[in-house]
Amino acid sequence: MLRLVQKRVHDRAVLKLIKAWLRTGVMEEGEYGETITGTPQGGVTSPLLANTVLHELDRVWEERCGHLGVLVRYADDMVVLCRSEAAARESLRRIGIRNLTPKRQWQGPFAG
């Protein structure tokens, strides 16, 4: 994630601040927990860093999957619209999503 940020942000002081935010843990139910990867949900840096990463996803989508369907995203959520389940599966394979979770579900019917 930091490599993607460094492509767009060149100010060392800002990069140092972002690194510190990424190392900062989270408080859950009054208990401190280490942050292992990513940004804490609801953290002040979450929208900024999500959009930095998702900007790269937009680029990769157009390059590898644009012909398979349409990627629609709002903040850190996204919907992939394809004409067939096969196209949907292929698009997810190309961007590296292998498993569907409760947040990643198939919705049909597929338009013909």
Protein backbone atom coordinates (compact mmCIF):
# COMPACT_ATOMS: atom_id res chain seq x y z
CA MET A 1 0.00 0.00 0.00
CA LEU A 2 2.78 2.39 0.90
CA ARG A 3 4.42 1.88 -2.50
CA LEU A 4 1.22 3.07 -4.18
CA VAL A 5 1.09 6.11 -1.92
CA GLN A 6 4.75 6.90 -2.68
CA LYS A 7 3.92 7.01 -6.41
CA ARG A 8 1.55 9.92 -5.75
CA VAL A 9 2.96 11.62 -2.64
CA HIS A 10 6.53 12.90 -2.70
CA ASP A 11 6.62 14.98 0.49
CA ARG A 12 8.77 13.10 3.03
CA ALA A 13 7.00 14.63 6.03
CA VAL A 14 3.60 13.49 4.74
CA LEU A 15 4.94 10.00 3.99
CA LYS A 16 6.41 9.79 7.50
CA LEU A 17 3.04 10.77 8.97
CA ILE A 18 1.21 8.15 6.87
CA LYS A 19 3.70 5.48 7.96
CA ALA A 20 3.08 6.42 11.60
CA TRP A 21 -0.71 6.19 11.06
CA LEU A 22 -0.29 2.74 9.54
CA ARG A 23 1.70 1.53 12.56
CA THR A 24 -0.78 2.95 15.05
CA GLY A 25 -2.96 0.28 16.62
CA VAL A 26 -6.70 0.30 17.26
CA MET A 27 -8.90 0.40 20.35
CA GLU A 28 -11.67 -2.19 20.39
CA GLU A 29 -13.94 -2.42 23.42
CA GLY A 30 -11.35 -0.58 25.50
CA GLU A 31 -8.50 -2.91 24.50
CA TYR A 32 -5.50 -1.86 22.39
CA GLY A 33 -4.70 -4.05 19.40
CA GLU A 34 -1.79 -3.99 16.97
CA THR A 35 -2.45 -3.12 13.33
CA ILE A 36 -0.90 -5.87 11.20
CA THR A 37 -1.96 -4.80 7.69
CA GLY A 38 -4.03 -2.08 6.11
CA THR A 39 -5.76 0.76 7.88
CA PRO A 40 -8.14 0.56 10.80
CA GLN A 41 -11.82 0.62 9.79
CA GLY A 42 -13.08 4.15 10.33
CA GLY A 43 -9.57 5.54 10.72
CA VAL A 44 -8.89 9.04 9.44
CA THR A 45 -6.48 7.72 6.81
CA SER A 46 -8.78 4.95 5.60
CA PRO A 47 -10.58 6.95 2.85
CA LEU A 48 -7.34 8.52 1.59
CA LEU A 49 -5.45 5.22 1.42
CA ALA A 50 -8.46 3.29 0.08
CA ASN A 51 -8.79 5.73 -2.81
CA THR A 52 -5.07 5.53 -3.52
CA VAL A 53 -5.23 1.74 -3.77
CA LEU A 54 -8.55 1.73 -5.63
CA HIS A 55 -7.18 4.21 -8.16
CA GLU A 56 -4.71 1.47 -9.08
CA LEU A 57 -7.61 -1.03 -9.26
CA ASP A 58 -9.40 1.31 -11.70
CA ARG A 59 -6.31 1.33 -13.91
CA VAL A 60 -5.88 -2.45 -13.77
CA TRP A 61 -9.60 -2.99 -14.43
CA GLU A 62 -9.54 -0.91 -17.60
CA GLU A 63 -6.37 -2.63 -18.76
CA ARG A 64 -7.37 -6.25 -18.04
CA CYS A 65 -11.15 -6.43 -17.64
CA GLY A 66 -12.81 -3.42 -19.25
CA HIS A 67 -14.22 -5.57 -22.05
CA LEU A 68 -15.72 -8.06 -19.57
CA GLY A 69 -17.91 -5.64 -17.65
CA VAL A 70 -18.21 -2.37 -15.78
CA LEU A 71 -16.60 -1.61 -12.44
CA VAL A 72 -18.63 0.81 -10.34
CA ARG A 73 -17.19 1.99 -7.06
CA TYR A 74 -18.15 4.39 -4.34
CA ALA A 75 -15.50 5.17 -1.73
CA ASP A 76 -14.15 1.73 -0.74
CA ASP A 77 -17.09 -0.35 -2.05
CA MET A 78 -17.44 -1.71 -5.56
CA VAL A 79 -19.88 -3.52 -7.82
CA VAL A 80 -18.87 -5.42 -10.95
CA LEU A 81 -21.55 -5.57 -13.64
CA CYS A 82 -21.13 -8.28 -16.29
CA ARG A 83 -23.40 -9.83 -18.88
CA SER A 84 -22.68 -13.41 -17.76
CA GLU A 85 -21.50 -15.28 -14.72
CA ALA A 86 -18.55 -16.56 -16.77
CA ALA A 87 -17.47 -12.97 -17.53
CA ALA A 88 -17.87 -12.05 -13.84
CA ARG A 89 -15.74 -15.01 -12.73
CA GLU A 90 -13.07 -14.23 -15.33
CA SER A 91 -12.94 -10.55 -14.34
CA LEU A 92 -12.48 -11.42 -10.66
CA ARG A 93 -9.78 -13.95 -11.56
CA ARG A 94 -7.92 -11.31 -13.55
CA ILE A 95 -7.88 -8.84 -10.66
CA GLY A 96 -6.88 -11.53 -8.16
CA ILE A 97 -10.09 -12.18 -6.19
CA ARG A 98 -10.26 -15.92 -5.67
CA ASN A 99 -12.88 -16.49 -2.99
CA LEU A 100 -16.31 -15.02 -2.53
CA THR A 101 -17.17 -14.02 1.03
CA PRO A 102 -20.44 -12.75 2.49
CA LYS A 103 -19.40 -9.28 1.30
CA ARG A 104 -18.46 -10.68 -2.13
CA GLN A 105 -21.53 -12.38 -3.48
CA TRP A 106 -23.03 -13.19 -6.87
CA GLN A 107 -26.23 -11.33 -7.62
CA GLY A 108 -28.35 -12.29 -10.59
CA PRO A 109 -29.94 -12.57 -12.96
CA PHE A 110 -27.30 -11.79 -15.53
CA ALA A 111 -28.46 -9.64 -18.42
CA GLY A 112 -28.47 -11.40 -21.78
